[in-house]
Amino acid sequence: KKILFQASNPGQFENDGDVLWQRGHVPETIAYHGRVGINTDAPDEALVVCGNAKVMGRVMHPSDSRAKQNIREVDTNEQLRRITQMRLVEYDYKPEFASVMGIKDT
């Protein structure tokens, strides 16, 4: 299988020092060492998608039950005691963050 990339400015990939895409260690994979933006030219995380994302398979997350074992019931009274010790807060997003992220209700 081959993966093709087309840049709006092909010349930007000509400098070997700028090559960040590499063949992955696992067959049929590629790796990029940097940030990737889709519909943004200023990603501030490893992957930023500005728009809808469609996933045709599963999305795994550390809190996913498929990644856990030894799941068991806990003492609810003890957990409620712990919750009462938590610091609960309300907040507003900073306007500059809200505008970049497209958040209307800050």
C-alpha atoms as a PDB file:
ATOM      1  CA  LYS A   1       0.000   0.000   0.000  1.00  0.00           C
ATOM      2  CA  LYS A   2       1.138   3.544  -0.686  1.00  0.00           C
ATOM      3  CA  ILE A   3       0.166   6.773   1.006  1.00  0.00           C
ATOM      4  CA  LEU A   4       0.373   9.917  -1.097  1.00  0.00           C
ATOM      5  CA  PHE A   5       0.576  13.475   0.182  1.00  0.00           C
ATOM      6  CA  GLN A   6      -0.006  16.571  -1.868  1.00  0.00           C
ATOM      7  CA  ALA A   7       0.950  19.958  -0.475  1.00  0.00           C
ATOM      8  CA  SER A   8      -0.451  23.290  -1.578  1.00  0.00           C
ATOM      9  CA  ASN A   9       3.183  24.418  -1.808  1.00  0.00           C
ATOM     10  CA  PRO A  10       5.158  21.360  -2.973  1.00  0.00           C
ATOM     11  CA  GLY A  11       8.464  23.212  -2.609  1.00  0.00           C
ATOM     12  CA  GLN A  12       8.087  23.276   1.141  1.00  0.00           C
ATOM     13  CA  PHE A  13       8.992  19.583   1.298  1.00  0.00           C
ATOM     14  CA  GLU A  14      12.141  19.796  -0.831  1.00  0.00           C
ATOM     15  CA  ASN A  15      14.550  20.504   2.029  1.00  0.00           C
ATOM     16  CA  ASP A  16      15.669  17.187   3.574  1.00  0.00           C
ATOM     17  CA  GLY A  17      16.067  18.928   6.945  1.00  0.00           C
ATOM     18  CA  ASP A  18      12.331  19.601   7.000  1.00  0.00           C
ATOM     19  CA  VAL A  19      11.312  15.961   6.446  1.00  0.00           C
ATOM     20  CA  LEU A  20       9.270  14.927   9.482  1.00  0.00           C
ATOM     21  CA  TRP A  21       7.220  12.115   7.911  1.00  0.00           C
ATOM     22  CA  GLN A  22       8.890   8.726   8.345  1.00  0.00           C
ATOM     23  CA  ARG A  23       8.032   5.115   7.629  1.00  0.00           C
ATOM     24  CA  GLY A  24       6.673   3.580  10.842  1.00  0.00           C
ATOM     25  CA  HIS A  25       8.252   0.725  12.775  1.00  0.00           C
ATOM     26  CA  VAL A  26       5.133  -1.361  12.187  1.00  0.00           C
ATOM     27  CA  PRO A  27       4.369  -2.401   8.579  1.00  0.00           C
ATOM     28  CA  GLU A  28       2.058  -0.103   6.595  1.00  0.00           C
ATOM     29  CA  THR A  29       2.423   2.831   9.001  1.00  0.00           C
ATOM     30  CA  ILE A  30       3.875   6.310   8.816  1.00  0.00           C
ATOM     31  CA  ALA A  31       4.930   8.616  11.630  1.00  0.00           C
ATOM     32  CA  TYR A  32       5.062  12.386  11.864  1.00  0.00           C
ATOM     33  CA  HIS A  33       7.119  13.967  14.605  1.00  0.00           C
ATOM     34  CA  GLY A  34       5.330  17.250  15.157  1.00  0.00           C
ATOM     35  CA  ARG A  35       1.833  18.680  15.209  1.00  0.00           C
ATOM     36  CA  VAL A  36      -0.785  17.969  12.547  1.00  0.00           C
ATOM     37  CA  GLY A  37      -3.583  20.368  11.700  1.00  0.00           C
ATOM     38  CA  ILE A  38      -6.615  19.626   9.553  1.00  0.00           C
ATOM     39  CA  ASN A  39      -8.363  22.815   8.386  1.00  0.00           C
ATOM     40  CA  THR A  40      -5.950  24.843  10.513  1.00  0.00           C
ATOM     41  CA  ASP A  41      -2.426  26.031   9.977  1.00  0.00           C
ATOM     42  CA  ALA A  42      -1.779  26.544  13.688  1.00  0.00           C
ATOM     43  CA  PRO A  43      -2.306  23.235  15.551  1.00  0.00           C
ATOM     44  CA  ASP A  44      -1.561  23.595  19.259  1.00  0.00           C
ATOM     45  CA  GLU A  45      -1.833  19.876  20.064  1.00  0.00           C
ATOM     46  CA  ALA A  46      -0.507  16.698  18.450  1.00  0.00           C
ATOM     47  CA  LEU A  47      -3.649  16.562  16.257  1.00  0.00           C
ATOM     48  CA  VAL A  48      -6.167  19.355  15.766  1.00  0.00           C
ATOM     49  CA  VAL A  49      -9.208  18.829  13.559  1.00  0.00           C
ATOM     50  CA  CYS A  50     -11.258  21.951  12.846  1.00  0.00           C
ATOM     51  CA  GLY A  51     -14.465  20.448  11.532  1.00  0.00           C
ATOM     52  CA  ASN A  52     -16.227  17.124  11.748  1.00  0.00           C
ATOM     53  CA  ALA A  53     -14.278  13.886  12.013  1.00  0.00           C
ATOM     54  CA  LYS A  54     -15.691  10.591  10.776  1.00  0.00           C
ATOM     55  CA  VAL A  55     -14.357   7.404  12.339  1.00  0.00           C
ATOM     56  CA  MET A  56     -15.190   4.157  10.593  1.00  0.00           C
ATOM     57  CA  GLY A  57     -13.553   2.001  13.266  1.00  0.00           C
ATOM     58  CA  ARG A  58     -13.059   2.116  17.005  1.00  0.00           C
ATOM     59  CA  VAL A  59     -11.466   4.918  18.988  1.00  0.00           C
ATOM     60  CA  MET A  60      -9.470   3.696  21.964  1.00  0.00           C
ATOM     61  CA  HIS A  61      -8.928   5.902  24.995  1.00  0.00           C
ATOM     62  CA  PRO A  62      -7.209   5.074  28.311  1.00  0.00           C
ATOM     63  CA  SER A  63     -10.588   5.235  30.056  1.00  0.00           C
ATOM     64  CA  ASP A  64     -12.101   2.749  27.599  1.00  0.00           C
ATOM     65  CA  SER A  65     -13.322  -0.401  29.389  1.00  0.00           C
ATOM     66  CA  ARG A  66     -11.653  -2.514  26.660  1.00  0.00           C
ATOM     67  CA  ALA A  67      -8.277  -1.337  28.027  1.00  0.00           C
ATOM     68  CA  LYS A  68      -9.019  -2.318  31.634  1.00  0.00           C
ATOM     69  CA  GLN A  69      -9.050  -5.462  33.715  1.00  0.00           C
ATOM     70  CA  ASN A  70      -9.961  -6.352  37.321  1.00  0.00           C
ATOM     71  CA  ILE A  71     -12.980  -4.032  37.245  1.00  0.00           C
ATOM     72  CA  ARG A  72     -14.867  -4.343  40.544  1.00  0.00           C
ATOM     73  CA  GLU A  73     -17.515  -2.579  42.587  1.00  0.00           C
ATOM     74  CA  VAL A  74     -16.366  -0.124  45.270  1.00  0.00           C
ATOM     75  CA  ASP A  75     -17.762   1.066  48.594  1.00  0.00           C
ATOM     76  CA  THR A  76     -20.077   3.925  47.560  1.00  0.00           C
ATOM     77  CA  ASN A  77     -20.009   5.549  51.021  1.00  0.00           C
ATOM     78  CA  GLU A  78     -16.212   5.783  50.869  1.00  0.00           C
ATOM     79  CA  GLN A  79     -16.368   7.210  47.345  1.00  0.00           C
ATOM     80  CA  LEU A  80     -18.963   9.813  48.396  1.00  0.00           C
ATOM     81  CA  ARG A  81     -16.660  10.839  51.269  1.00  0.00           C
ATOM     82  CA  ARG A  82     -13.846  11.308  48.765  1.00  0.00           C
ATOM     83  CA  ILE A  83     -16.067  13.355  46.471  1.00  0.00           C
ATOM     84  CA  THR A  84     -16.946  15.754  49.290  1.00  0.00           C
ATOM     85  CA  GLN A  85     -13.211  16.480  49.624  1.00  0.00           C
ATOM     86  CA  MET A  86     -12.869  17.463  45.962  1.00  0.00           C
ATOM     87  CA  ARG A  87     -12.465  21.093  44.935  1.00  0.00           C
ATOM     88  CA  LEU A  88     -15.322  21.891  42.532  1.00  0.00           C
ATOM     89  CA  VAL A  89     -15.077  25.005  40.355  1.00  0.00           C
ATOM     90  CA  GLU A  90     -16.915  26.926  37.648  1.00  0.00           C
ATOM     91  CA  TYR A  91     -15.047  28.829  34.963  1.00  0.00           C
ATOM     92  CA  ASP A  92     -15.310  30.906  31.804  1.00  0.00           C
ATOM     93  CA  TYR A  93     -13.052  30.328  28.817  1.00  0.00           C
ATOM     94  CA  LYS A  94     -10.626  33.125  28.024  1.00  0.00           C
ATOM     95  CA  PRO A  95     -12.030  35.068  25.035  1.00  0.00           C
ATOM     96  CA  GLU A  96      -8.902  34.497  22.904  1.00  0.00           C
ATOM     97  CA  PHE A  97      -9.160  30.711  23.440  1.00  0.00           C
ATOM     98  CA  ALA A  98     -12.899  30.636  22.808  1.00  0.00           C
ATOM     99  CA  SER A  99     -12.590  32.548  19.539  1.00  0.00           C
ATOM    100  CA  VAL A 100      -9.810  30.282  18.197  1.00  0.00           C
ATOM    101  CA  MET A 101     -11.721  27.131  19.162  1.00  0.00           C
ATOM    102  CA  GLY A 102     -15.063  28.391  17.844  1.00  0.00           C
ATOM    103  CA  ILE A 103     -16.693  28.299  21.296  1.00  0.00           C
ATOM    104  CA  LYS A 104     -19.632  30.710  21.449  1.00  0.00           C
ATOM    105  CA  ASP A 105     -20.856  30.030  25.005  1.00  0.00           C
ATOM    106  CA  THR A 106     -17.832  30.788  27.150  1.00  0.00           C
END
